C-alpha atoms as a PDB file:
ATOM      1  CA  MET A   1       0.159 -23.212  23.805  1.00  0.00           C
ATOM      2  CA  ASP A   2       2.597 -26.046  23.364  1.00  0.00           C
ATOM      3  CA  ALA A   3       4.348 -26.504  20.402  1.00  0.00           C
ATOM      4  CA  ASP A   4       2.233 -27.855  17.921  1.00  0.00           C
ATOM      5  CA  THR A   5      -0.263 -25.916  18.372  1.00  0.00           C
ATOM      6  CA  GLN A   6       2.245 -23.095  17.480  1.00  0.00           C
ATOM      7  CA  ALA A   7       3.544 -24.312  14.622  1.00  0.00           C
ATOM      8  CA  GLU A   8      -0.181 -24.664  13.243  1.00  0.00           C
ATOM      9  CA  GLN A   9      -0.869 -21.113  13.625  1.00  0.00           C
ATOM     10  CA  GLU A  10       2.586 -20.347  11.694  1.00  0.00           C
ATOM     11  CA  PRO A  11       1.982 -19.431   7.609  1.00  0.00           C
ATOM     12  CA  ASP A  12       4.062 -21.311   5.559  1.00  0.00           C
ATOM     13  CA  SER A  13       7.531 -19.780   4.661  1.00  0.00           C
ATOM     14  CA  GLN A  14       6.611 -18.976   1.475  1.00  0.00           C
ATOM     15  CA  PHE A  15       4.663 -16.399   2.270  1.00  0.00           C
ATOM     16  CA  VAL A  16       6.873 -15.061   4.834  1.00  0.00           C
ATOM     17  CA  GLU A  17       8.917 -14.261   2.220  1.00  0.00           C
ATOM     18  CA  LEU A  18       6.427 -12.929  -0.137  1.00  0.00           C
ATOM     19  CA  ALA A  19       5.082 -10.615   2.541  1.00  0.00           C
ATOM     20  CA  VAL A  20       8.765  -9.438   3.000  1.00  0.00           C
ATOM     21  CA  GLU A  21       8.599  -8.800  -0.695  1.00  0.00           C
ATOM     22  CA  VAL A  22       5.790  -6.481  -0.155  1.00  0.00           C
ATOM     23  CA  PHE A  23       6.943  -4.713   2.360  1.00  0.00           C
ATOM     24  CA  ALA A  24      10.069  -3.910   0.453  1.00  0.00           C
ATOM     25  CA  MET A  25       8.167  -2.740  -2.255  1.00  0.00           C
ATOM     26  CA  LEU A  26       5.853  -0.738  -0.028  1.00  0.00           C
ATOM     27  CA  ALA A  27       9.251   0.737   1.643  1.00  0.00           C
ATOM     28  CA  ASP A  28       9.152   3.859  -0.613  1.00  0.00           C
ATOM     29  CA  ALA A  29       7.016   7.204  -0.132  1.00  0.00           C
ATOM     30  CA  THR A  30       6.134   7.658  -3.462  1.00  0.00           C
ATOM     31  CA  ARG A  31       4.729   3.892  -3.860  1.00  0.00           C
ATOM     32  CA  VAL A  32       3.080   4.895  -1.013  1.00  0.00           C
ATOM     33  CA  ARG A  33       1.541   7.909  -1.879  1.00  0.00           C
ATOM     34  CA  ILE A  34       0.540   6.279  -5.018  1.00  0.00           C
ATOM     35  CA  ILE A  35      -1.108   3.509  -2.969  1.00  0.00           C
ATOM     36  CA  LEU A  36      -2.953   6.582  -1.012  1.00  0.00           C
ATOM     37  CA  ALA A  37      -4.339   8.400  -4.152  1.00  0.00           C
ATOM     38  CA  LEU A  38      -5.827   4.837  -5.425  1.00  0.00           C
ATOM     39  CA  ARG A  39      -7.183   4.204  -2.361  1.00  0.00           C
ATOM     40  CA  ASP A  40     -10.879   5.447  -3.665  1.00  0.00           C
ATOM     41  CA  GLY A  41     -10.870   4.088  -7.100  1.00  0.00           C
ATOM     42  CA  GLU A  42      -8.640   4.181 -10.192  1.00  0.00           C
ATOM     43  CA  LEU A  43      -6.630   6.880 -11.767  1.00  0.00           C
ATOM     44  CA  SER A  44      -4.604   7.521 -15.249  1.00  0.00           C
ATOM     45  CA  VAL A  45      -0.442   8.168 -14.731  1.00  0.00           C
ATOM     46  CA  ASN A  46      -1.468  11.672 -15.809  1.00  0.00           C
ATOM     47  CA  HIS A  47      -3.529  11.683 -12.896  1.00  0.00           C
ATOM     48  CA  LEU A  48      -1.125  10.031 -10.774  1.00  0.00           C
ATOM     49  CA  ALA A  49       1.283  12.604 -11.672  1.00  0.00           C
ATOM     50  CA  ASP A  50      -0.464  15.734 -10.860  1.00  0.00           C
ATOM     51  CA  VAL A  51      -1.652  14.417  -7.428  1.00  0.00           C
ATOM     52  CA  LEU A  52       1.903  13.460  -6.264  1.00  0.00           C
ATOM     53  CA  ASP A  53       3.847  16.795  -8.160  1.00  0.00           C
ATOM     54  CA  LYS A  54       5.978  13.576  -9.259  1.00  0.00           C
ATOM     55  CA  PRO A  55       6.980  13.290 -13.536  1.00  0.00           C
ATOM     56  CA  ALA A  56       5.071  10.948 -15.166  1.00  0.00           C
ATOM     57  CA  ALA A  57       7.669   9.024 -16.263  1.00  0.00           C
ATOM     58  CA  ALA A  58       8.906   8.393 -12.479  1.00  0.00           C
ATOM     59  CA  VAL A  59       5.306   7.619 -11.090  1.00  0.00           C
ATOM     60  CA  SER A  60       5.352   4.786 -14.051  1.00  0.00           C
ATOM     61  CA  GLN A  61       8.533   3.130 -13.272  1.00  0.00           C
ATOM     62  CA  HIS A  62       6.870   3.049  -9.613  1.00  0.00           C
ATOM     63  CA  LEU A  63       3.475   2.206 -11.004  1.00  0.00           C
ATOM     64  CA  ALA A  64       5.440  -0.912 -12.839  1.00  0.00           C
ATOM     65  CA  LYS A  65       7.175  -1.911  -9.756  1.00  0.00           C
ATOM     66  CA  LEU A  66       3.784  -2.341  -8.492  1.00  0.00           C
ATOM     67  CA  ARG A  67       2.246  -3.848 -10.924  1.00  0.00           C
ATOM     68  CA  LEU A  68       5.029  -6.234 -11.348  1.00  0.00           C
ATOM     69  CA  ALA A  69       4.659  -7.233  -7.259  1.00  0.00           C
ATOM     70  CA  ARG A  70       0.532  -7.433  -8.090  1.00  0.00           C
ATOM     71  CA  ILE A  71      -0.382  -4.803  -5.590  1.00  0.00           C
ATOM     72  CA  VAL A  72      -2.087  -2.747  -8.829  1.00  0.00           C
ATOM     73  CA  SER A  73      -3.257  -3.693 -12.365  1.00  0.00           C
ATOM     74  CA  ALA A  74      -3.674  -1.294 -15.068  1.00  0.00           C
ATOM     75  CA  ARG A  75      -5.821  -0.932 -17.580  1.00  0.00           C
ATOM     76  CA  GLN A  76      -5.383   0.651 -21.330  1.00  0.00           C
ATOM     77  CA  GLU A  77      -8.392   2.669 -22.169  1.00  0.00           C
ATOM     78  CA  ALA A  78      -7.039   4.011 -26.433  1.00  0.00           C
ATOM     79  CA  GLN A  79      -3.838   6.152 -25.427  1.00  0.00           C
ATOM     80  CA  ARG A  80      -4.198   6.129 -21.658  1.00  0.00           C
ATOM     81  CA  VAL A  81      -3.487   3.313 -19.131  1.00  0.00           C
ATOM     82  CA  PHE A  82      -5.577   3.838 -15.723  1.00  0.00           C
ATOM     83  CA  TYR A  83      -3.978   1.921 -12.128  1.00  0.00           C
ATOM     84  CA  LYS A  84      -6.134   0.815  -9.326  1.00  0.00           C
ATOM     85  CA  LEU A  85      -5.398  -1.019  -6.078  1.00  0.00           C
ATOM     86  CA  GLU A  86      -5.532  -5.032  -7.311  1.00  0.00           C
ATOM     87  CA  ASN A  87      -7.345  -5.398  -3.748  1.00  0.00           C
ATOM     88  CA  GLU A  88      -7.664  -3.932  -0.196  1.00  0.00           C
ATOM     89  CA  HIS A  89      -4.585  -5.326   1.765  1.00  0.00           C
ATOM     90  CA  ALA A  90      -1.829  -2.555   0.425  1.00  0.00           C
ATOM     91  CA  SER A  91      -4.393   0.043   1.062  1.00  0.00           C
ATOM     92  CA  GLN A  92      -5.083  -1.361   4.971  1.00  0.00           C
ATOM     93  CA  LEU A  93      -1.129  -2.796   5.012  1.00  0.00           C
ATOM     94  CA  VAL A  94      -0.120   1.399   4.407  1.00  0.00           C
ATOM     95  CA  SER A  95      -2.804   2.590   6.482  1.00  0.00           C
ATOM     96  CA  ASP A  96      -2.068   0.627   9.438  1.00  0.00           C
ATOM     97  CA  ALA A  97       1.963   2.061   8.609  1.00  0.00           C
ATOM     98  CA  ILE A  98       0.242   6.218   8.817  1.00  0.00           C
ATOM     99  CA  SER A  99      -1.459   5.108  11.765  1.00  0.00           C
ATOM    100  CA  GLN A 100       1.561   3.584  13.568  1.00  0.00           C
ATOM    101  CA  ALA A 101       3.266   6.970  12.692  1.00  0.00           C
ATOM    102  CA  GLU A 102       1.090   8.793  14.656  1.00  0.00           C
ATOM    103  CA  HIS A 103       1.273   6.717  17.358  1.00  0.00           C
ATOM    104  CA  SER A 104       5.308   6.968  17.530  1.00  0.00           C
ATOM    105  CA  LEU A 105       4.941  10.722  17.614  1.00  0.00           C
ATOM    106  CA  GLY A 106       3.210  10.843  20.873  1.00  0.00           C
ATOM    107  CA  GLY A 107       0.118  13.265  21.194  1.00  0.00           C
ATOM    108  CA  ILE A 108      -3.022  12.346  19.913  1.00  0.00           C
ATOM    109  CA  PRO A 109      -3.302  10.471  16.666  1.00  0.00           C
ATOM    110  CA  ARG A 110      -5.864  11.532  13.986  1.00  0.00           C
ATOM    111  CA  HIS A 111      -7.582   7.745  13.625  1.00  0.00           C
ATOM    112  CA  HIS A 112      -8.350   8.690  17.612  1.00  0.00           C
ATOM    113  CA  GLU A 113      -9.466  12.082  17.431  1.00  0.00           C
ATOM    114  CA  ASP A 114     -13.186  11.248  16.844  1.00  0.00           C
ATOM    115  CA  GLY A 115     -13.531   9.621  20.234  1.00  0.00           C
ATOM    116  CA  THR A 116     -13.362   5.853  20.039  1.00  0.00           C
ATOM    117  CA  GLU A 117     -10.150   4.583  20.654  1.00  0.00           C
ATOM    118  CA  ALA A 118      -8.829   1.908  18.249  1.00  0.00           C
ATOM    119  CA  SER A 119      -6.176  -0.704  19.622  1.00  0.00           C
END
């Protein structure tokens, strides 16, 4: 592979910087758990707080950061606010990170237990 071909495949610097911001946003266990909880659809702040066993105010602060990072979006219905993932990419990043963690611990990762070998 020559230098010109490699340069064409490199993402723009702005995207690399934004990717670093996404990783920084996901470097918090509560935010990762929020993303995992939202994989199946939208939930209210109170429901998320119950699922995470955290105070609603703390969950709201994490959701505000995720919303500013455009990882989740909000919808208000009367007095309740519902959140959902903006797209599937954050969920995939979290799933991949968990798979990597499972590999790091040794043994057979859960995603390999069904008999299929994923790379």
